[in-house]
N, C-alpha and C. Protein backbone atom coordinates (compact mmCIF):
# COMPACT_ATOMS: atom_id res chain seq x y z
N MET A 1 37.12 8.97 -14.84
CA MET A 1 36.51 10.21 -14.57
C MET A 1 34.99 10.06 -14.66
N MET A 2 34.47 9.24 -15.54
CA MET A 2 33.08 8.95 -15.62
C MET A 2 32.43 8.42 -14.42
N GLN A 3 33.11 7.57 -13.63
CA GLN A 3 32.63 6.97 -12.34
C GLN A 3 32.46 8.16 -11.34
N THR A 4 33.53 8.98 -11.33
CA THR A 4 33.36 10.14 -10.37
C THR A 4 32.19 11.00 -10.58
N GLU A 5 31.85 11.41 -11.77
CA GLU A 5 30.71 12.18 -12.13
C GLU A 5 29.42 11.43 -11.68
N ARG A 6 29.30 10.06 -11.93
CA ARG A 6 28.10 9.32 -11.57
C ARG A 6 27.96 9.42 -10.02
N ILE A 7 29.15 9.27 -9.34
CA ILE A 7 28.95 9.29 -7.81
C ILE A 7 28.47 10.71 -7.43
N ARG A 8 29.11 11.74 -7.99
CA ARG A 8 28.65 13.04 -7.66
C ARG A 8 27.11 13.27 -7.90
N ASP A 9 26.68 12.72 -9.02
CA ASP A 9 25.19 12.87 -9.31
C ASP A 9 24.40 12.15 -8.22
N VAL A 10 24.78 10.93 -7.75
CA VAL A 10 24.00 10.20 -6.90
C VAL A 10 24.19 10.99 -5.45
N ILE A 11 25.24 11.57 -5.16
CA ILE A 11 25.28 12.31 -3.85
C ILE A 11 24.44 13.46 -3.92
N ARG A 12 24.34 14.21 -5.05
CA ARG A 12 23.40 15.32 -5.25
C ARG A 12 22.00 14.89 -4.91
N TYR A 13 21.63 13.70 -5.46
CA TYR A 13 20.28 13.29 -5.39
C TYR A 13 20.02 13.00 -3.85
N ILE A 14 20.96 12.35 -3.28
CA ILE A 14 20.82 11.97 -1.75
C ILE A 14 20.65 13.18 -0.93
N LYS A 15 21.36 14.21 -1.22
CA LYS A 15 21.14 15.41 -0.47
C LYS A 15 19.73 16.05 -0.73
N LYS A 16 19.32 15.92 -1.88
CA LYS A 16 18.10 16.54 -2.35
C LYS A 16 17.03 15.93 -1.66
N PHE A 17 17.00 14.56 -1.57
CA PHE A 17 15.83 13.82 -1.06
C PHE A 17 15.82 13.42 0.29
N ARG A 18 16.94 13.56 1.02
CA ARG A 18 17.13 13.17 2.39
C ARG A 18 15.91 13.89 3.11
N GLY A 19 15.27 13.20 4.02
CA GLY A 19 14.19 13.65 4.76
C GLY A 19 12.84 13.73 4.03
N SER A 20 12.82 13.57 2.73
CA SER A 20 11.58 13.55 1.93
C SER A 20 10.82 12.26 2.18
N THR A 21 9.57 12.34 1.79
CA THR A 21 8.72 11.12 1.93
C THR A 21 8.23 10.70 0.64
N ILE A 22 8.26 9.42 0.29
CA ILE A 22 7.74 8.83 -0.80
C ILE A 22 6.70 7.81 -0.58
N VAL A 23 5.63 7.68 -1.24
CA VAL A 23 4.58 6.67 -1.18
C VAL A 23 4.83 5.80 -2.36
N ILE A 24 4.86 4.36 -2.15
CA ILE A 24 5.14 3.46 -3.13
C ILE A 24 4.03 2.46 -3.10
N ARG A 25 3.30 2.46 -4.25
CA ARG A 25 2.28 1.39 -4.58
C ARG A 25 2.89 0.23 -5.16
N ILE A 26 2.81 -0.92 -4.55
CA ILE A 26 3.67 -2.06 -5.21
C ILE A 26 2.46 -3.12 -5.59
N ASP A 27 2.48 -3.51 -6.78
CA ASP A 27 1.48 -4.49 -7.26
C ASP A 27 1.84 -5.80 -6.56
N ASP A 28 0.73 -6.62 -6.35
CA ASP A 28 0.92 -7.91 -5.56
C ASP A 28 1.81 -8.87 -6.51
N ASP A 29 1.77 -8.78 -7.74
CA ASP A 29 2.58 -9.61 -8.50
C ASP A 29 4.04 -9.59 -8.18
N VAL A 30 4.48 -8.50 -7.73
CA VAL A 30 5.95 -8.25 -7.34
C VAL A 30 6.30 -9.30 -6.26
N ALA A 31 5.41 -9.52 -5.35
CA ALA A 31 5.66 -10.45 -4.23
C ALA A 31 6.05 -11.81 -4.76
N ASP A 32 5.45 -12.16 -5.88
CA ASP A 32 5.74 -13.52 -6.53
C ASP A 32 6.89 -13.48 -7.45
N SER A 33 7.41 -12.37 -7.74
CA SER A 33 8.44 -12.28 -8.69
C SER A 33 9.82 -12.61 -8.07
N PRO A 34 10.74 -13.16 -8.99
CA PRO A 34 12.10 -13.45 -8.55
C PRO A 34 12.88 -12.06 -8.32
N LEU A 35 12.32 -10.91 -8.62
CA LEU A 35 12.93 -9.74 -8.31
C LEU A 35 12.43 -9.03 -7.08
N PHE A 36 11.64 -9.80 -6.29
CA PHE A 36 10.96 -9.21 -5.09
C PHE A 36 12.07 -8.87 -4.02
N SER A 37 13.05 -9.74 -3.93
CA SER A 37 14.00 -9.59 -2.91
C SER A 37 14.95 -8.32 -3.27
N GLY A 38 15.11 -8.20 -4.60
CA GLY A 38 15.98 -6.91 -5.21
C GLY A 38 15.18 -5.73 -4.95
N HIS A 39 13.86 -5.73 -5.10
CA HIS A 39 13.16 -4.56 -4.93
C HIS A 39 13.10 -4.18 -3.42
N MET A 40 13.00 -5.02 -2.60
CA MET A 40 13.02 -4.77 -1.20
C MET A 40 14.38 -4.32 -0.72
N HIS A 41 15.43 -4.78 -1.31
CA HIS A 41 16.75 -4.38 -0.91
C HIS A 41 16.90 -2.83 -1.49
N ASP A 42 16.42 -2.58 -2.61
CA ASP A 42 16.43 -1.24 -3.09
C ASP A 42 15.72 -0.18 -2.07
N LEU A 43 14.63 -0.69 -1.51
CA LEU A 43 13.80 0.13 -0.62
C LEU A 43 14.74 0.43 0.68
N ALA A 44 15.42 -0.72 1.01
CA ALA A 44 16.41 -0.58 2.18
C ALA A 44 17.45 0.47 1.99
N LEU A 45 17.99 0.44 0.66
CA LEU A 45 18.94 1.53 0.43
C LEU A 45 18.35 2.89 0.39
N LEU A 46 17.16 3.00 -0.13
CA LEU A 46 16.57 4.38 0.08
C LEU A 46 16.39 4.86 1.44
N GLN A 47 15.90 3.82 2.36
CA GLN A 47 15.63 4.12 3.61
C GLN A 47 17.03 4.56 4.45
N GLU A 48 18.00 3.93 3.95
CA GLU A 48 19.42 4.23 4.59
C GLU A 48 19.86 5.74 4.25
N THR A 49 19.43 6.20 3.10
CA THR A 49 19.78 7.64 2.70
C THR A 49 19.00 8.57 3.46
N GLY A 50 18.01 8.24 4.27
CA GLY A 50 17.12 9.15 4.95
C GLY A 50 15.82 9.47 4.32
N ILE A 51 15.50 8.73 3.36
CA ILE A 51 14.19 8.95 2.67
C ILE A 51 13.13 8.16 3.48
N ARG A 52 12.01 8.72 3.60
CA ARG A 52 10.97 8.15 4.54
C ARG A 52 10.00 7.41 3.54
N ILE A 53 9.77 6.19 3.70
CA ILE A 53 8.90 5.42 2.74
C ILE A 53 7.69 4.94 3.41
N VAL A 54 6.61 5.04 2.61
CA VAL A 54 5.24 4.52 3.02
C VAL A 54 4.85 3.48 1.75
N ILE A 55 4.45 2.28 2.09
CA ILE A 55 4.17 1.27 1.07
C ILE A 55 2.62 1.05 1.07
N VAL A 56 2.05 1.05 -0.13
CA VAL A 56 0.64 0.70 -0.29
C VAL A 56 0.64 -0.45 -1.22
N PRO A 57 0.47 -1.73 -0.73
CA PRO A 57 0.50 -2.89 -1.59
C PRO A 57 -0.92 -3.05 -2.30
N GLY A 58 -0.74 -3.38 -3.54
CA GLY A 58 -1.89 -3.72 -4.28
C GLY A 58 -2.16 -5.15 -3.96
N ALA A 59 -3.39 -5.70 -4.21
CA ALA A 59 -3.72 -7.00 -3.80
C ALA A 59 -4.71 -7.62 -4.75
N THR A 60 -4.93 -6.99 -5.91
CA THR A 60 -6.00 -7.38 -6.82
C THR A 60 -5.93 -8.72 -7.20
N ASN A 61 -4.90 -9.26 -7.80
CA ASN A 61 -4.56 -10.66 -8.17
C ASN A 61 -4.71 -11.70 -7.11
N HIS A 62 -4.17 -11.38 -5.99
CA HIS A 62 -4.16 -12.22 -4.84
C HIS A 62 -5.64 -12.41 -4.25
N ILE A 63 -6.35 -11.21 -4.13
CA ILE A 63 -7.72 -11.28 -3.80
C ILE A 63 -8.62 -12.12 -4.65
N SER A 64 -8.35 -12.01 -5.92
CA SER A 64 -9.07 -12.80 -7.03
C SER A 64 -8.88 -14.29 -6.76
N LYS A 65 -7.50 -14.71 -6.53
CA LYS A 65 -7.29 -16.06 -6.29
C LYS A 65 -7.86 -16.62 -5.06
N VAL A 66 -7.78 -15.82 -4.00
CA VAL A 66 -8.37 -16.30 -2.74
C VAL A 66 -9.87 -16.45 -2.82
N LEU A 67 -10.57 -15.51 -3.27
CA LEU A 67 -11.98 -15.46 -3.53
C LEU A 67 -12.39 -16.76 -4.32
N ASP A 68 -11.67 -17.07 -5.46
CA ASP A 68 -11.95 -18.15 -6.30
C ASP A 68 -11.80 -19.53 -5.61
N ALA A 69 -10.58 -19.52 -4.91
CA ALA A 69 -10.34 -20.72 -4.16
C ALA A 69 -11.39 -21.17 -3.18
N TYR A 70 -11.92 -20.10 -2.51
CA TYR A 70 -13.01 -20.39 -1.53
C TYR A 70 -14.42 -20.31 -2.10
N GLY A 71 -14.50 -20.23 -3.38
CA GLY A 71 -15.88 -20.21 -4.06
C GLY A 71 -16.78 -19.04 -3.74
N VAL A 72 -16.14 -17.96 -3.46
CA VAL A 72 -16.91 -16.75 -3.09
C VAL A 72 -17.20 -15.98 -4.42
N LYS A 73 -18.48 -15.60 -4.65
CA LYS A 73 -18.87 -14.97 -5.86
C LYS A 73 -18.38 -13.50 -5.72
N TRP A 74 -17.92 -13.04 -6.88
CA TRP A 74 -17.58 -11.75 -7.07
C TRP A 74 -17.74 -11.20 -8.53
N GLU A 75 -17.84 -9.88 -8.68
CA GLU A 75 -17.86 -9.35 -10.00
C GLU A 75 -17.15 -8.03 -10.07
N THR A 76 -16.98 -7.51 -11.13
CA THR A 76 -16.31 -6.26 -11.37
C THR A 76 -17.28 -5.31 -12.13
N ARG A 77 -17.55 -4.15 -11.52
CA ARG A 77 -18.51 -3.24 -12.01
C ARG A 77 -17.91 -1.83 -11.99
N ASP A 78 -17.90 -1.21 -13.17
CA ASP A 78 -17.15 0.01 -13.36
C ASP A 78 -15.75 0.02 -12.81
N GLY A 79 -15.05 -1.11 -13.10
CA GLY A 79 -13.63 -1.25 -12.58
C GLY A 79 -13.57 -1.52 -11.05
N VAL A 80 -14.60 -1.83 -10.39
CA VAL A 80 -14.66 -2.03 -8.93
C VAL A 80 -14.94 -3.44 -8.67
N ARG A 81 -14.28 -4.10 -7.79
CA ARG A 81 -14.65 -5.45 -7.29
C ARG A 81 -15.75 -5.37 -6.29
N VAL A 82 -16.74 -6.14 -6.63
CA VAL A 82 -17.98 -6.15 -5.76
C VAL A 82 -18.12 -7.60 -5.12
N THR A 83 -18.32 -7.68 -3.78
CA THR A 83 -18.65 -9.00 -3.19
C THR A 83 -19.74 -8.55 -2.11
N ASN A 84 -20.20 -9.62 -1.56
CA ASN A 84 -21.02 -9.47 -0.40
C ASN A 84 -20.14 -9.38 0.91
N ASP A 85 -20.78 -9.21 2.15
CA ASP A 85 -20.09 -9.10 3.36
C ASP A 85 -19.25 -10.39 3.62
N GLU A 86 -19.65 -11.43 3.20
CA GLU A 86 -18.84 -12.81 3.45
C GLU A 86 -17.52 -12.62 2.68
N GLY A 87 -17.72 -12.23 1.52
CA GLY A 87 -16.41 -11.97 0.71
C GLY A 87 -15.35 -11.07 1.30
N MET A 88 -15.79 -10.08 2.20
CA MET A 88 -14.91 -9.18 2.73
C MET A 88 -13.96 -9.84 3.65
N ASN A 89 -14.25 -10.94 4.40
CA ASN A 89 -13.39 -11.61 5.22
C ASN A 89 -12.12 -12.26 4.42
N PHE A 90 -12.50 -12.68 3.22
CA PHE A 90 -11.47 -13.20 2.34
C PHE A 90 -10.56 -12.14 1.72
N ILE A 91 -11.19 -11.05 1.44
CA ILE A 91 -10.51 -9.89 0.84
C ILE A 91 -9.53 -9.47 1.94
N LYS A 92 -9.96 -9.29 3.22
CA LYS A 92 -8.98 -8.87 4.18
C LYS A 92 -7.92 -9.91 4.39
N MET A 93 -8.12 -11.15 4.34
CA MET A 93 -7.11 -12.23 4.44
C MET A 93 -6.08 -12.01 3.45
N ALA A 94 -6.56 -11.83 2.10
CA ALA A 94 -5.62 -11.71 1.04
C ALA A 94 -4.75 -10.43 1.06
N ALA A 95 -5.44 -9.25 1.46
CA ALA A 95 -4.65 -8.02 1.45
C ALA A 95 -3.61 -8.08 2.60
N PHE A 96 -4.04 -8.58 3.76
CA PHE A 96 -3.13 -8.56 4.81
C PHE A 96 -1.97 -9.62 4.55
N ASP A 97 -2.33 -10.67 3.73
CA ASP A 97 -1.25 -11.60 3.39
C ASP A 97 -0.12 -10.91 2.57
N ILE A 98 -0.60 -10.17 1.53
CA ILE A 98 0.44 -9.48 0.78
C ILE A 98 1.21 -8.43 1.69
N SER A 99 0.51 -7.77 2.44
CA SER A 99 1.29 -6.83 3.40
C SER A 99 2.18 -7.59 4.30
N ASN A 100 1.82 -8.67 4.84
CA ASN A 100 2.73 -9.46 5.68
C ASN A 100 4.04 -9.98 4.94
N ARG A 101 3.77 -10.26 3.70
CA ARG A 101 4.93 -10.79 2.87
C ARG A 101 5.98 -9.69 2.66
N ILE A 102 5.44 -8.47 2.47
CA ILE A 102 6.34 -7.35 2.26
C ILE A 102 7.01 -6.95 3.55
N MET A 103 6.25 -7.03 4.72
CA MET A 103 6.96 -6.68 5.95
C MET A 103 7.96 -7.81 6.29
N THR A 104 7.75 -8.95 5.95
CA THR A 104 8.68 -10.07 6.34
C THR A 104 9.94 -9.83 5.51
N ARG A 105 9.87 -9.50 4.25
CA ARG A 105 11.00 -9.25 3.40
C ARG A 105 11.77 -8.02 3.89
N LEU A 106 11.00 -7.08 4.28
CA LEU A 106 11.76 -5.87 4.82
C LEU A 106 12.47 -6.15 6.04
N SER A 107 12.01 -7.19 6.96
CA SER A 107 12.71 -7.64 8.11
C SER A 107 14.02 -8.21 7.87
N ALA A 108 13.88 -8.89 6.66
CA ALA A 108 15.12 -9.69 6.20
C ALA A 108 16.21 -8.52 5.78
N GLU A 109 15.77 -7.29 5.41
CA GLU A 109 16.70 -6.26 5.10
C GLU A 109 17.11 -5.42 6.37
N ARG A 110 16.63 -5.91 7.62
CA ARG A 110 16.79 -5.19 8.80
C ARG A 110 16.10 -3.94 8.94
N LEU A 111 15.05 -3.80 8.28
CA LEU A 111 14.15 -2.65 8.38
C LEU A 111 12.85 -2.96 9.19
N THR A 112 12.46 -2.03 9.88
CA THR A 112 11.29 -2.14 10.85
C THR A 112 10.12 -1.62 10.18
N ALA A 113 9.15 -2.43 9.85
CA ALA A 113 7.81 -1.87 9.10
C ALA A 113 6.61 -2.28 10.05
N VAL A 114 5.58 -1.56 9.91
CA VAL A 114 4.43 -1.68 10.66
C VAL A 114 3.25 -1.61 9.67
N ILE A 115 2.23 -2.68 9.88
CA ILE A 115 1.05 -2.52 9.09
C ILE A 115 0.00 -1.82 10.08
N GLY A 116 -0.76 -1.02 9.43
CA GLY A 116 -1.64 -0.21 10.19
C GLY A 116 -2.88 0.07 9.60
N ASN A 117 -3.89 0.43 10.35
CA ASN A 117 -5.26 0.85 9.87
C ASN A 117 -5.40 2.38 9.89
N TRP A 118 -4.64 3.16 9.20
CA TRP A 118 -4.56 4.45 9.19
C TRP A 118 -5.72 5.05 8.17
N VAL A 119 -6.54 4.26 7.69
CA VAL A 119 -7.55 4.61 6.74
C VAL A 119 -8.96 4.56 7.22
N ARG A 120 -9.63 5.71 7.22
CA ARG A 120 -11.00 5.73 7.43
C ARG A 120 -11.74 5.68 6.02
N ALA A 121 -12.82 4.79 5.94
CA ALA A 121 -13.49 4.52 4.62
C ALA A 121 -14.88 4.72 4.80
N ARG A 122 -15.58 4.78 3.69
CA ARG A 122 -16.95 4.80 3.55
C ARG A 122 -17.37 3.91 2.38
N GLY A 123 -18.52 3.37 2.37
CA GLY A 123 -19.05 2.47 1.35
C GLY A 123 -19.41 3.18 0.04
N ARG A 124 -19.25 2.60 -1.15
CA ARG A 124 -19.69 3.13 -2.24
C ARG A 124 -21.19 3.28 -2.34
N GLY A 125 -21.91 2.25 -1.65
CA GLY A 125 -23.22 2.38 -1.51
C GLY A 125 -23.94 1.93 -2.77
N ILE A 126 -25.18 2.38 -2.94
CA ILE A 126 -26.04 1.89 -4.13
C ILE A 126 -25.96 3.05 -5.22
N VAL A 127 -25.59 2.64 -6.27
CA VAL A 127 -25.48 3.66 -7.37
C VAL A 127 -26.22 3.16 -8.64
N ASP A 128 -27.31 3.98 -9.03
CA ASP A 128 -28.19 3.56 -10.04
C ASP A 128 -28.91 2.19 -9.82
N GLY A 129 -29.14 1.89 -8.70
CA GLY A 129 -29.83 0.69 -8.28
C GLY A 129 -28.93 -0.53 -8.04
N PHE A 130 -27.56 -0.28 -8.24
CA PHE A 130 -26.58 -1.37 -7.95
C PHE A 130 -25.86 -1.25 -6.69
N ASP A 131 -25.93 -2.37 -5.87
CA ASP A 131 -25.32 -2.17 -4.48
C ASP A 131 -23.84 -2.61 -4.59
N PHE A 132 -22.97 -1.78 -4.34
CA PHE A 132 -21.47 -2.00 -4.37
C PHE A 132 -20.87 -2.85 -3.28
N GLY A 133 -21.74 -3.26 -2.35
CA GLY A 133 -21.44 -4.13 -1.37
C GLY A 133 -20.26 -3.63 -0.50
N SER A 134 -19.08 -4.53 -0.54
CA SER A 134 -18.04 -4.17 0.34
C SER A 134 -16.94 -3.33 -0.27
N ALA A 135 -17.23 -2.70 -1.42
CA ALA A 135 -16.28 -1.78 -2.05
C ALA A 135 -16.58 -0.35 -1.49
N GLY A 136 -15.42 0.23 -1.13
CA GLY A 136 -15.54 1.55 -0.60
C GLY A 136 -14.52 2.58 -1.18
N PHE A 137 -14.61 3.80 -0.58
CA PHE A 137 -13.79 5.03 -0.91
C PHE A 137 -13.03 5.37 0.39
N VAL A 138 -11.71 5.93 0.07
CA VAL A 138 -11.03 6.57 1.20
C VAL A 138 -11.73 7.76 1.62
N ASP A 139 -12.05 7.78 2.91
CA ASP A 139 -12.81 8.92 3.57
C ASP A 139 -11.73 9.87 4.09
N LYS A 140 -10.75 9.34 4.84
CA LYS A 140 -9.72 10.17 5.50
C LYS A 140 -8.59 9.27 5.90
N ILE A 141 -7.43 9.86 5.67
CA ILE A 141 -6.18 9.22 6.20
C ILE A 141 -5.81 9.77 7.67
N GLN A 142 -5.76 8.80 8.55
CA GLN A 142 -5.38 9.10 9.96
C GLN A 142 -3.95 9.68 10.02
N LEU A 143 -3.67 11.04 9.65
CA LEU A 143 -2.49 11.63 9.35
C LEU A 143 -1.52 11.57 10.71
N ASP A 144 -2.01 11.84 11.74
CA ASP A 144 -1.29 12.07 13.04
C ASP A 144 -0.48 10.77 13.40
N SER A 145 -1.32 9.59 13.40
CA SER A 145 -0.62 8.35 13.78
C SER A 145 0.25 7.84 12.67
N LEU A 146 -0.13 8.19 11.30
CA LEU A 146 0.74 7.72 10.32
C LEU A 146 2.11 8.45 10.36
N GLN A 147 2.01 9.77 10.64
CA GLN A 147 3.08 10.59 10.91
C GLN A 147 4.06 10.26 11.98
N ALA A 148 3.52 9.71 13.01
CA ALA A 148 4.11 9.34 14.25
C ALA A 148 4.92 8.09 13.90
N ALA A 149 4.42 7.23 13.10
CA ALA A 149 5.11 5.93 12.70
C ALA A 149 6.29 6.36 11.86
N LEU A 150 6.21 7.19 11.06
CA LEU A 150 7.24 7.72 10.19
C LEU A 150 8.39 8.30 11.02
N ASP A 151 7.93 9.22 11.90
CA ASP A 151 8.79 9.88 12.77
C ASP A 151 9.65 8.98 13.72
N ASP A 152 8.99 7.89 13.96
CA ASP A 152 9.76 6.77 14.76
C ASP A 152 10.60 5.88 14.01
N GLY A 153 10.79 6.17 12.67
CA GLY A 153 11.64 5.43 11.83
C GLY A 153 10.98 4.09 11.25
N PHE A 154 9.64 3.84 11.35
CA PHE A 154 8.98 2.65 10.81
C PHE A 154 8.73 3.05 9.34
N ILE A 155 8.62 1.90 8.53
CA ILE A 155 8.04 2.06 7.14
C ILE A 155 6.62 1.54 7.37
N PRO A 156 5.65 2.41 7.10
CA PRO A 156 4.26 2.17 7.27
C PRO A 156 3.85 1.34 6.03
N ILE A 157 3.18 0.26 6.25
CA ILE A 157 2.48 -0.57 5.06
C ILE A 157 0.97 -0.43 5.23
N ILE A 158 0.31 0.06 4.35
CA ILE A 158 -1.09 0.38 4.32
C ILE A 158 -1.89 -0.55 3.34
N PRO A 159 -2.55 -1.54 3.89
CA PRO A 159 -3.25 -2.53 3.05
C PRO A 159 -4.49 -1.82 2.37
N CYS A 160 -5.04 -2.46 1.41
CA CYS A 160 -6.18 -1.80 0.69
C CYS A 160 -7.53 -2.02 1.45
N ILE A 161 -7.46 -1.85 2.73
CA ILE A 161 -8.72 -2.02 3.48
C ILE A 161 -8.93 -0.77 4.39
N GLY A 162 -10.11 -0.34 4.47
CA GLY A 162 -10.34 0.88 5.28
C GLY A 162 -11.52 0.49 6.11
N TRP A 163 -11.66 1.19 7.31
CA TRP A 163 -12.79 1.07 8.21
C TRP A 163 -13.58 2.30 8.40
N THR A 164 -14.85 2.04 8.68
CA THR A 164 -15.68 3.19 8.91
C THR A 164 -15.43 3.53 10.46
N VAL A 165 -16.02 4.59 10.94
CA VAL A 165 -15.83 4.89 12.42
C VAL A 165 -16.59 3.91 13.31
N THR A 166 -17.41 3.14 12.74
CA THR A 166 -18.09 2.09 13.55
C THR A 166 -17.39 0.77 13.42
N GLY A 167 -16.27 0.64 12.61
CA GLY A 167 -15.47 -0.48 12.48
C GLY A 167 -15.86 -1.48 11.31
N LYS A 168 -16.74 -0.98 10.42
CA LYS A 168 -17.05 -1.74 9.25
C LYS A 168 -15.86 -1.77 8.19
N PRO A 169 -15.47 -2.89 7.69
CA PRO A 169 -14.34 -2.71 6.69
C PRO A 169 -14.85 -2.66 5.37
N TYR A 170 -14.08 -1.95 4.48
CA TYR A 170 -14.43 -1.80 3.07
C TYR A 170 -13.06 -1.99 2.27
N ASN A 171 -13.37 -2.76 1.11
CA ASN A 171 -12.19 -2.98 0.16
C ASN A 171 -11.88 -1.63 -0.77
N LEU A 172 -10.81 -1.20 -0.74
CA LEU A 172 -10.40 -0.02 -1.48
C LEU A 172 -9.45 -0.20 -2.55
N SER A 173 -9.54 0.71 -3.53
CA SER A 173 -8.64 0.75 -4.65
C SER A 173 -7.24 1.09 -4.04
N SER A 174 -6.22 0.26 -4.29
CA SER A 174 -4.79 0.57 -3.80
C SER A 174 -4.29 1.80 -4.51
N THR A 175 -4.64 2.03 -5.73
CA THR A 175 -4.20 3.29 -6.47
C THR A 175 -4.80 4.43 -5.86
N GLU A 176 -6.07 4.37 -5.49
CA GLU A 176 -6.77 5.52 -4.94
C GLU A 176 -6.21 5.77 -3.54
N LEU A 177 -5.94 4.64 -2.79
CA LEU A 177 -5.37 4.83 -1.53
C LEU A 177 -3.96 5.43 -1.54
N ALA A 178 -3.13 5.00 -2.54
CA ALA A 178 -1.75 5.57 -2.60
C ALA A 178 -1.79 7.01 -2.92
N VAL A 179 -2.73 7.37 -3.66
CA VAL A 179 -2.85 8.91 -4.15
C VAL A 179 -3.28 9.59 -2.85
N ALA A 180 -4.38 9.05 -2.13
CA ALA A 180 -4.84 9.80 -0.93
C ALA A 180 -3.79 9.99 0.10
N THR A 181 -2.91 8.84 0.21
CA THR A 181 -1.93 8.95 1.28
C THR A 181 -0.90 9.86 0.89
N ALA A 182 -0.48 9.86 -0.33
CA ALA A 182 0.58 10.88 -0.73
C ALA A 182 0.24 12.33 -0.56
N VAL A 183 -1.26 12.61 -0.97
CA VAL A 183 -1.80 13.94 -0.69
C VAL A 183 -1.84 14.26 0.72
N ALA A 184 -2.18 13.43 1.51
CA ALA A 184 -2.40 13.71 3.01
C ALA A 184 -1.02 13.97 3.60
N LEU A 185 -0.03 13.10 3.22
CA LEU A 185 1.34 13.27 3.78
C LEU A 185 2.14 14.53 2.98
N LYS A 186 1.53 15.12 1.96
CA LYS A 186 2.31 16.04 1.18
C LYS A 186 3.63 15.44 0.72
N ALA A 187 3.61 14.18 0.24
CA ALA A 187 4.73 13.41 -0.18
C ALA A 187 5.39 14.01 -1.25
N ASP A 188 6.84 13.89 -1.30
CA ASP A 188 7.53 14.32 -2.45
C ASP A 188 7.39 13.62 -3.71
N LYS A 189 7.17 12.30 -3.53
CA LYS A 189 6.99 11.48 -4.74
C LYS A 189 5.94 10.46 -4.44
N LEU A 190 5.27 9.90 -5.60
CA LEU A 190 4.48 8.80 -5.52
C LEU A 190 4.86 7.91 -6.64
N LEU A 191 5.24 6.71 -6.30
CA LEU A 191 5.85 5.75 -7.28
C LEU A 191 4.88 4.49 -7.30
N LYS A 192 4.82 3.85 -8.56
CA LYS A 192 4.15 2.63 -8.69
C LYS A 192 5.14 1.57 -9.01
N GLY A 193 5.21 0.60 -8.28
CA GLY A 193 6.19 -0.57 -8.60
C GLY A 193 5.51 -1.70 -9.16
N GLU A 194 5.88 -2.08 -10.23
CA GLU A 194 5.24 -3.28 -10.94
C GLU A 194 6.22 -4.42 -11.07
């Protein structure tokens, strides 16, 4: 009898959330975890129930490792990573590496994901005489194209990089990005995977 009640509870939740959109921020440590495959399998199960998923990978630790490996100077100011323009190339490399690892694992689950540049950004600029260099803010989520990817059945993966209207890249907080994405999409849930 207990199993039947659990199954009914699950079915109620599936009906409630079918067609809903959830944004999931995944820490980059998850990609190195033995639980990574299991987490991606769980996402596949959610997708099968009709839940629309958007993934925002965090890349903080991986970016630090890449910058250190290539001898690029960086610092943290007010909780924000600061590098020069040279460092931005390595930040992009690290952020897209984590995104690619997630996309590859989703492919193993027979899911189709797409990495996109749906984020317009602006630089943090100079604050109290300090230049925040390549660090930026989310200016706008390109909602129409992101929504089109979801409508076509893709799982959008949004790296923590945004571009200005002139094409200059900025490093973004993946937490701020996940929140901005959830707000823009009017998502039903925002989850943080660690």
